[in-house]
């Protein structure tokens, strides 16, 4: 996710600009989200035409 992490005690921003924070990062609980970053790994893209041909 991309956003601005805040200090858990003071709730003050830790940075001035957005940073990417992983879901397993402990800072995520105190991050004001700007947008979510999605990344697919180990997949193969196919077109609808290819899927229809397999049906």
Protein backbone atom coordinates (compact mmCIF):
# COMPACT_ATOMS: atom_id res chain seq x y z
CA UNK A 1 0.00 0.00 0.00
CA UNK A 2 1.15 3.56 -0.52
CA UNK A 3 0.59 6.17 2.14
CA UNK A 4 2.04 8.20 4.97
CA UNK A 5 3.07 6.24 8.08
CA UNK A 6 2.42 7.92 11.44
CA UNK A 7 4.04 7.45 14.84
CA UNK A 8 1.87 5.09 16.95
CA UNK A 9 2.12 7.25 20.10
CA UNK A 10 2.01 10.80 18.77
CA UNK A 11 0.16 10.10 15.49
CA UNK A 12 2.52 12.57 13.84
CA UNK A 13 3.58 11.75 10.24
CA UNK A 14 6.95 9.99 10.06
CA UNK A 15 7.63 11.23 6.51
CA UNK A 16 6.42 14.16 4.42
CA UNK A 17 5.67 12.23 1.26
CA UNK A 18 4.02 8.89 0.53
CA UNK A 19 5.99 5.67 0.83
CA UNK A 20 5.15 2.08 -0.04
CA UNK A 21 4.41 -0.07 3.02
CA UNK A 22 4.21 -3.86 2.77
CA UNK A 23 1.26 -5.66 4.34
CA UNK A 24 3.60 -7.47 6.73
CA UNK A 25 5.28 -4.20 7.80
CA UNK A 26 4.44 -3.22 11.38
CA UNK A 27 3.91 0.41 10.26
CA UNK A 28 0.83 -0.52 8.21
CA UNK A 29 -1.49 -0.17 11.22
CA UNK A 30 -0.58 3.50 11.49
CA UNK A 31 -0.39 4.37 7.79
CA UNK A 32 -2.87 6.70 6.18
CA UNK A 33 -3.45 5.03 2.82
CA UNK A 34 -3.26 6.96 -0.40
CA UNK A 35 -3.71 3.98 -2.69
CA UNK A 36 -3.20 0.24 -2.69
CA UNK A 37 -0.39 -1.29 -4.74
CA UNK A 38 -1.14 -4.67 -6.29
CA UNK A 39 1.42 -6.89 -7.96
CA UNK A 40 0.78 -10.29 -9.46
CA UNK A 41 3.61 -12.80 -9.52
CA UNK A 42 3.83 -16.23 -11.11
CA UNK A 43 0.82 -15.73 -13.39
CA UNK A 44 0.41 -15.79 -17.15
CA UNK A 45 -1.88 -13.34 -18.88
CA UNK A 46 -4.26 -14.71 -21.51
CA UNK A 47 -6.75 -13.06 -23.80
CA UNK A 48 -10.46 -13.81 -23.79
CA UNK A 49 -10.08 -15.26 -27.27
CA UNK A 50 -7.55 -17.81 -25.96
CA UNK A 51 -9.92 -18.78 -23.16
CA UNK A 52 -12.81 -19.22 -25.60
CA UNK A 53 -10.67 -21.44 -27.80
CA UNK A 54 -9.95 -23.72 -24.81
CA UNK A 55 -13.65 -24.09 -23.90
